[in-house]
Amino acid sequence: MGPLILEFAPHDIGWPLPVIRGMAFSAPLTMFTSRIAPAHWLRRLRLLLTPEETDPPASSPYCRPRP
């Protein structure tokens, strides 16, 4: 997609860059964070966390703790 835009409309290359970067870095980021040490390092820095990890919701009255 990027080479086609550069070929036919080089002045419009700015609008798809977030999509292109996301596609380019998704596989390396997944491989990097699937390893234990980098995942713990990113967790200590509080990066790439979900909202449930940063601010856990109150438990539901219907949930029982595990024995």
PDB file of N, CA and C in Angstrom:
ATOM      1  N   MET A   1       0.827  -1.184   0.000  1.00  0.00           N
ATOM      2  CA  MET A   1       0.000   0.000   0.000  1.00  0.00           C
ATOM      3  C   MET A   1       0.874   1.253   0.000  1.00  0.00           C
ATOM      4  N   GLY A   2       1.901   1.260   0.846  1.00  0.00           N
ATOM      5  CA  GLY A   2       2.783   2.416   0.925  1.00  0.00           C
ATOM      6  C   GLY A   2       3.497   2.723  -0.373  1.00  0.00           C
ATOM      7  N   PRO A   3       4.099   1.688  -1.037  1.00  0.00           N
ATOM      8  CA  PRO A   3       4.771   1.984  -2.310  1.00  0.00           C
ATOM      9  C   PRO A   3       3.830   2.510  -3.387  1.00  0.00           C
ATOM     10  N   LEU A   4       2.591   2.023  -3.394  1.00  0.00           N
ATOM     11  CA  LEU A   4       1.640   2.536  -4.385  1.00  0.00           C
ATOM     12  C   LEU A   4       1.316   4.006  -4.146  1.00  0.00           C
ATOM     13  N   ILE A   5       1.140   4.371  -2.895  1.00  0.00           N
ATOM     14  CA  ILE A   5       0.854   5.775  -2.589  1.00  0.00           C
ATOM     15  C   ILE A   5       2.056   6.642  -2.921  1.00  0.00           C
ATOM     16  N   LEU A   6       3.249   6.154  -2.609  1.00  0.00           N
ATOM     17  CA  LEU A   6       4.454   6.916  -2.951  1.00  0.00           C
ATOM     18  C   LEU A   6       4.593   7.089  -4.461  1.00  0.00           C
ATOM     19  N   GLU A   7       4.187   6.078  -5.209  1.00  0.00           N
ATOM     20  CA  GLU A   7       4.304   6.137  -6.668  1.00  0.00           C
ATOM     21  C   GLU A   7       3.298   7.096  -7.285  1.00  0.00           C
ATOM     22  N   PHE A   8       2.041   7.011  -6.858  1.00  0.00           N
ATOM     23  CA  PHE A   8       0.982   7.763  -7.531  1.00  0.00           C
ATOM     24  C   PHE A   8       0.564   9.054  -6.825  1.00  0.00           C
ATOM     25  N   ALA A   9       0.740   9.146  -5.521  1.00  0.00           N
ATOM     26  CA  ALA A   9       0.329  10.347  -4.788  1.00  0.00           C
ATOM     27  C   ALA A   9       1.283  10.579  -3.609  1.00  0.00           C
ATOM     28  N   PRO A  10       2.522  10.946  -3.873  1.00  0.00           N
ATOM     29  CA  PRO A  10       3.497  11.083  -2.774  1.00  0.00           C
ATOM     30  C   PRO A  10       3.134  12.160  -1.753  1.00  0.00           C
ATOM     31  N   HIS A  11       2.339  13.138  -2.132  1.00  0.00           N
ATOM     32  CA  HIS A  11       1.951  14.189  -1.195  1.00  0.00           C
ATOM     33  C   HIS A  11       0.898  13.701  -0.194  1.00  0.00           C
ATOM     34  N   ASP A  12       0.288  12.528  -0.440  1.00  0.00           N
ATOM     35  CA  ASP A  12      -0.744  11.988   0.455  1.00  0.00           C
ATOM     36  C   ASP A  12      -0.225  10.857   1.341  1.00  0.00           C
ATOM     37  N   ILE A  13       1.076  10.704   1.483  1.00  0.00           N
ATOM     38  CA  ILE A  13       1.624   9.576   2.241  1.00  0.00           C
ATOM     39  C   ILE A  13       1.353   9.702   3.744  1.00  0.00           C
ATOM     40  N   GLY A  14       1.052  10.854   4.237  1.00  0.00           N
ATOM     41  CA  GLY A  14       0.860  11.043   5.679  1.00  0.00           C
ATOM     42  C   GLY A  14      -0.370  10.378   6.260  1.00  0.00           C
ATOM     43  N   TRP A  15      -1.469  10.304   5.513  1.00  0.00           N
ATOM     44  CA  TRP A  15      -2.703   9.785   6.109  1.00  0.00           C
ATOM     45  C   TRP A  15      -2.669   8.284   6.388  1.00  0.00           C
ATOM     46  N   PRO A  16      -2.009   7.413   5.606  1.00  0.00           N
ATOM     47  CA  PRO A  16      -2.041   5.986   5.960  1.00  0.00           C
ATOM     48  C   PRO A  16      -0.899   5.546   6.865  1.00  0.00           C
ATOM     49  N   LEU A  17      -0.015   6.451   7.265  1.00  0.00           N
ATOM     50  CA  LEU A  17       1.131   6.045   8.079  1.00  0.00           C
ATOM     51  C   LEU A  17       0.757   5.355   9.386  1.00  0.00           C
ATOM     52  N   PRO A  18      -0.261   5.787  10.131  1.00  0.00           N
ATOM     53  CA  PRO A  18      -0.612   5.033  11.346  1.00  0.00           C
ATOM     54  C   PRO A  18      -1.013   3.592  11.060  1.00  0.00           C
ATOM     55  N   VAL A  19      -1.714   3.371   9.951  1.00  0.00           N
ATOM     56  CA  VAL A  19      -2.119   2.011   9.593  1.00  0.00           C
ATOM     57  C   VAL A  19      -0.904   1.194   9.167  1.00  0.00           C
ATOM     58  N   ILE A  20      -0.048   1.776   8.363  1.00  0.00           N
ATOM     59  CA  ILE A  20       1.144   1.070   7.881  1.00  0.00           C
ATOM     60  C   ILE A  20       2.066   0.728   9.042  1.00  0.00           C
ATOM     61  N   ARG A  21       2.268   1.669   9.958  1.00  0.00           N
ATOM     62  CA  ARG A  21       3.128   1.388  11.120  1.00  0.00           C
ATOM     63  C   ARG A  21       2.521   0.302  11.992  1.00  0.00           C
ATOM     64  N   GLY A  22       1.216   0.330  12.175  1.00  0.00           N
ATOM     65  CA  GLY A  22       0.558  -0.701  12.973  1.00  0.00           C
ATOM     66  C   GLY A  22       0.752  -2.084  12.378  1.00  0.00           C
ATOM     67  N   MET A  23       0.595  -2.191  11.074  1.00  0.00           N
ATOM     68  CA  MET A  23       0.788  -3.488  10.427  1.00  0.00           C
ATOM     69  C   MET A  23       2.251  -3.918  10.459  1.00  0.00           C
ATOM     70  N   ALA A  24       3.154  -2.975  10.301  1.00  0.00           N
ATOM     71  CA  ALA A  24       4.583  -3.312  10.259  1.00  0.00           C
ATOM     72  C   ALA A  24       5.104  -3.739  11.622  1.00  0.00           C
ATOM     73  N   PHE A  25       4.602  -3.145  12.696  1.00  0.00           N
ATOM     74  CA  PHE A  25       5.143  -3.430  14.031  1.00  0.00           C
ATOM     75  C   PHE A  25       4.323  -4.430  14.834  1.00  0.00           C
ATOM     76  N   SER A  26       3.186  -4.895  14.311  1.00  0.00           N
ATOM     77  CA  SER A  26       2.360  -5.801  15.108  1.00  0.00           C
ATOM     78  C   SER A  26       3.025  -7.153  15.332  1.00  0.00           C
ATOM     79  N   ALA A  27       3.595  -7.753  14.308  1.00  0.00           N
ATOM     80  CA  ALA A  27       4.235  -9.070  14.475  1.00  0.00           C
ATOM     81  C   ALA A  27       5.474  -8.993  15.363  1.00  0.00           C
ATOM     82  N   PRO A  28       6.400  -8.040  15.147  1.00  0.00           N
ATOM     83  CA  PRO A  28       7.550  -7.969  16.057  1.00  0.00           C
ATOM     84  C   PRO A  28       7.162  -7.660  17.496  1.00  0.00           C
ATOM     85  N   LEU A  29       6.159  -6.812  17.702  1.00  0.00           N
ATOM     86  CA  LEU A  29       5.720  -6.505  19.065  1.00  0.00           C
ATOM     87  C   LEU A  29       5.116  -7.740  19.729  1.00  0.00           C
ATOM     88  N   THR A  30       4.352  -8.514  18.981  1.00  0.00           N
ATOM     89  CA  THR A  30       3.775  -9.738  19.529  1.00  0.00           C
ATOM     90  C   THR A  30       4.859 -10.732  19.898  1.00  0.00           C
ATOM     91  N   MET A  31       5.842 -10.895  19.048  1.00  0.00           N
ATOM     92  CA  MET A  31       6.936 -11.822  19.349  1.00  0.00           C
ATOM     93  C   MET A  31       7.740 -11.346  20.555  1.00  0.00           C
ATOM     94  N   PHE A  32       7.988 -10.045  20.651  1.00  0.00           N
ATOM     95  CA  PHE A  32       8.762  -9.495  21.758  1.00  0.00           C
ATOM     96  C   PHE A  32       8.027  -9.654  23.083  1.00  0.00           C
ATOM     97  N   THR A  33       6.737  -9.346  23.100  1.00  0.00           N
ATOM     98  CA  THR A  33       5.989  -9.399  24.355  1.00  0.00           C
ATOM     99  C   THR A  33       5.547 -10.799  24.738  1.00  0.00           C
ATOM    100  N   SER A  34       5.704 -11.773  23.840  1.00  0.00           N
ATOM    101  CA  SER A  34       5.353 -13.143  24.203  1.00  0.00           C
ATOM    102  C   SER A  34       6.434 -13.801  25.050  1.00  0.00           C
ATOM    103  N   ARG A  35       7.587 -13.209  25.124  1.00  0.00           N
ATOM    104  CA  ARG A  35       8.659 -13.729  25.965  1.00  0.00           C
ATOM    105  C   ARG A  35       8.450 -13.230  27.403  1.00  0.00           C
ATOM    106  N   ILE A  36       8.872 -14.002  28.367  1.00  0.00           N
ATOM    107  CA  ILE A  36       8.599 -13.691  29.771  1.00  0.00           C
ATOM    108  C   ILE A  36       9.317 -12.422  30.232  1.00  0.00           C
ATOM    109  N   ALA A  37      10.612 -12.317  30.007  1.00  0.00           N
ATOM    110  CA  ALA A  37      11.387 -11.174  30.529  1.00  0.00           C
ATOM    111  C   ALA A  37      10.903  -9.834  29.968  1.00  0.00           C
ATOM    112  N   PRO A  38      10.763  -9.688  28.646  1.00  0.00           N
ATOM    113  CA  PRO A  38      10.257  -8.403  28.143  1.00  0.00           C
ATOM    114  C   PRO A  38       8.851  -8.084  28.628  1.00  0.00           C
ATOM    115  N   ALA A  39       8.011  -9.120  28.765  1.00  0.00           N
ATOM    116  CA  ALA A  39       6.642  -8.882  29.240  1.00  0.00           C
ATOM    117  C   ALA A  39       6.652  -8.350  30.668  1.00  0.00           C
ATOM    118  N   HIS A  40       7.494  -8.927  31.530  1.00  0.00           N
ATOM    119  CA  HIS A  40       7.587  -8.430  32.903  1.00  0.00           C
ATOM    120  C   HIS A  40       8.173  -7.022  32.943  1.00  0.00           C
ATOM    121  N   TRP A  41       9.130  -6.760  32.098  1.00  0.00           N
ATOM    122  CA  TRP A  41       9.754  -5.428  32.039  1.00  0.00           C
ATOM    123  C   TRP A  41       8.711  -4.379  31.619  1.00  0.00           C
ATOM    124  N   LEU A  42       7.913  -4.684  30.583  1.00  0.00           N
ATOM    125  CA  LEU A  42       6.875  -3.741  30.151  1.00  0.00           C
ATOM    126  C   LEU A  42       5.797  -3.580  31.211  1.00  0.00           C
ATOM    127  N   ARG A  43       5.490  -4.655  31.933  1.00  0.00           N
ATOM    128  CA  ARG A  43       4.486  -4.564  32.997  1.00  0.00           C
ATOM    129  C   ARG A  43       4.982  -3.674  34.132  1.00  0.00           C
ATOM    130  N   ARG A  44       6.280  -3.784  34.493  1.00  0.00           N
ATOM    131  CA  ARG A  44       6.845  -2.907  35.536  1.00  0.00           C
ATOM    132  C   ARG A  44       6.787  -1.446  35.113  1.00  0.00           C
ATOM    133  N   LEU A  45       6.965  -1.186  33.821  1.00  0.00           N
ATOM    134  CA  LEU A  45       6.879   0.181  33.316  1.00  0.00           C
ATOM    135  C   LEU A  45       5.435   0.638  33.092  1.00  0.00           C
ATOM    136  N   ARG A  46       4.473  -0.290  33.301  1.00  0.00           N
ATOM    137  CA  ARG A  46       3.048  -0.047  33.132  1.00  0.00           C
ATOM    138  C   ARG A  46       2.710   0.342  31.692  1.00  0.00           C
ATOM    139  N   LEU A  47       3.356  -0.355  30.745  1.00  0.00           N
ATOM    140  CA  LEU A  47       3.094  -0.143  29.330  1.00  0.00           C
ATOM    141  C   LEU A  47       2.303  -1.327  28.779  1.00  0.00           C
ATOM    142  N   LEU A  48       1.476  -1.083  27.791  1.00  0.00           N
ATOM    143  CA  LEU A  48       0.689  -2.097  27.084  1.00  0.00           C
ATOM    144  C   LEU A  48      -0.234  -2.864  28.015  1.00  0.00           C
ATOM    145  N   LEU A  49      -0.770  -2.219  29.027  1.00  0.00           N
ATOM    146  CA  LEU A  49      -1.701  -2.864  29.949  1.00  0.00           C
ATOM    147  C   LEU A  49      -3.138  -2.580  29.533  1.00  0.00           C
ATOM    148  N   THR A  50      -4.030  -3.493  29.864  1.00  0.00           N
ATOM    149  CA  THR A  50      -5.452  -3.275  29.623  1.00  0.00           C
ATOM    150  C   THR A  50      -6.042  -2.507  30.806  1.00  0.00           C
ATOM    151  N   PRO A  51      -7.208  -1.897  30.652  1.00  0.00           N
ATOM    152  CA  PRO A  51      -7.820  -1.183  31.769  1.00  0.00           C
ATOM    153  C   PRO A  51      -8.067  -2.078  32.984  1.00  0.00           C
ATOM    154  N   GLU A  52      -8.384  -3.352  32.757  1.00  0.00           N
ATOM    155  CA  GLU A  52      -8.613  -4.259  33.880  1.00  0.00           C
ATOM    156  C   GLU A  52      -7.331  -4.526  34.662  1.00  0.00           C
ATOM    157  N   GLU A  53      -6.189  -4.428  34.014  1.00  0.00           N
ATOM    158  CA  GLU A  53      -4.923  -4.637  34.706  1.00  0.00           C
ATOM    159  C   GLU A  53      -4.509  -3.410  35.508  1.00  0.00           C
ATOM    160  N   THR A  54      -4.840  -2.226  35.028  1.00  0.00           N
ATOM    161  CA  THR A  54      -4.448  -1.013  35.745  1.00  0.00           C
ATOM    162  C   THR A  54      -5.427  -0.643  36.848  1.00  0.00           C
ATOM    163  N   ASP A  55      -6.714  -0.906  36.629  1.00  0.00           N
ATOM    164  CA  ASP A  55      -7.738  -0.570  37.608  1.00  0.00           C
ATOM    165  C   ASP A  55      -8.749  -1.703  37.661  1.00  0.00           C
ATOM    166  N   PRO A  56      -8.473  -2.765  38.438  1.00  0.00           N
ATOM    167  CA  PRO A  56      -9.366  -3.926  38.439  1.00  0.00           C
ATOM    168  C   PRO A  56     -10.766  -3.559  38.928  1.00  0.00           C
ATOM    169  N   PRO A  57     -11.788  -4.100  38.271  1.00  0.00           N
ATOM    170  CA  PRO A  57     -13.156  -3.801  38.705  1.00  0.00           C
ATOM    171  C   PRO A  57     -13.472  -4.510  40.018  1.00  0.00           C
ATOM    172  N   ALA A  58     -14.446  -3.979  40.720  1.00  0.00           N
ATOM    173  CA  ALA A  58     -14.895  -4.647  41.943  1.00  0.00           C
ATOM    174  C   ALA A  58     -15.496  -5.989  41.550  1.00  0.00           C
ATOM    175  N   SER A  59     -15.292  -6.983  42.377  1.00  0.00           N
ATOM    176  CA  SER A  59     -15.790  -8.305  42.004  1.00  0.00           C
ATOM    177  C   SER A  59     -17.315  -8.324  42.060  1.00  0.00           C
ATOM    178  N   SER A  60     -17.874  -9.129  41.236  1.00  0.00           N
ATOM    179  CA  SER A  60     -19.315  -9.257  41.152  1.00  0.00           C
ATOM    180  C   SER A  60     -19.828 -10.067  42.339  1.00  0.00           C
ATOM    181  N   PRO A  61     -21.015  -9.766  42.839  1.00  0.00           N
ATOM    182  CA  PRO A  61     -21.560 -10.573  43.936  1.00  0.00           C
ATOM    183  C   PRO A  61     -21.849 -12.004  43.500  1.00  0.00           C
ATOM    184  N   TYR A  62     -21.908 -12.241  42.194  1.00  0.00           N
ATOM    185  CA  TYR A  62     -22.180 -13.578  41.690  1.00  0.00           C
ATOM    186  C   TYR A  62     -20.906 -14.422  41.549  1.00  0.00           C
ATOM    187  N   CYS A  63     -19.770 -13.801  41.702  1.00  0.00           N
ATOM    188  CA  CYS A  63     -18.505 -14.534  41.586  1.00  0.00           C
ATOM    189  C   CYS A  63     -18.058 -15.000  42.970  1.00  0.00           C
ATOM    190  N   ARG A  64     -17.694 -16.245  43.062  1.00  0.00           N
ATOM    191  CA  ARG A  64     -17.167 -16.764  44.304  1.00  0.00           C
ATOM    192  C   ARG A  64     -15.670 -16.944  44.190  1.00  0.00           C
ATOM    193  N   PRO A  65     -14.918 -16.652  45.218  1.00  0.00           N
ATOM    194  CA  PRO A  65     -13.469 -16.860  45.128  1.00  0.00           C
ATOM    195  C   PRO A  65     -13.159 -18.353  44.993  1.00  0.00           C
ATOM    196  N   ARG A  66     -12.070 -18.629  44.350  1.00  0.00           N
ATOM    197  CA  ARG A  66     -11.645 -20.014  44.189  1.00  0.00           C
ATOM    198  C   ARG A  66     -11.134 -20.552  45.510  1.00  0.00           C
ATOM    199  N   PRO A  67     -11.398 -21.829  45.786  1.00  0.00           N
ATOM    200  CA  PRO A  67     -10.911 -22.406  47.072  1.00  0.00           C
ATOM    201  C   PRO A  67      -9.415 -22.590  47.069  1.00  0.00           C
TER     202      PRO A  67
END
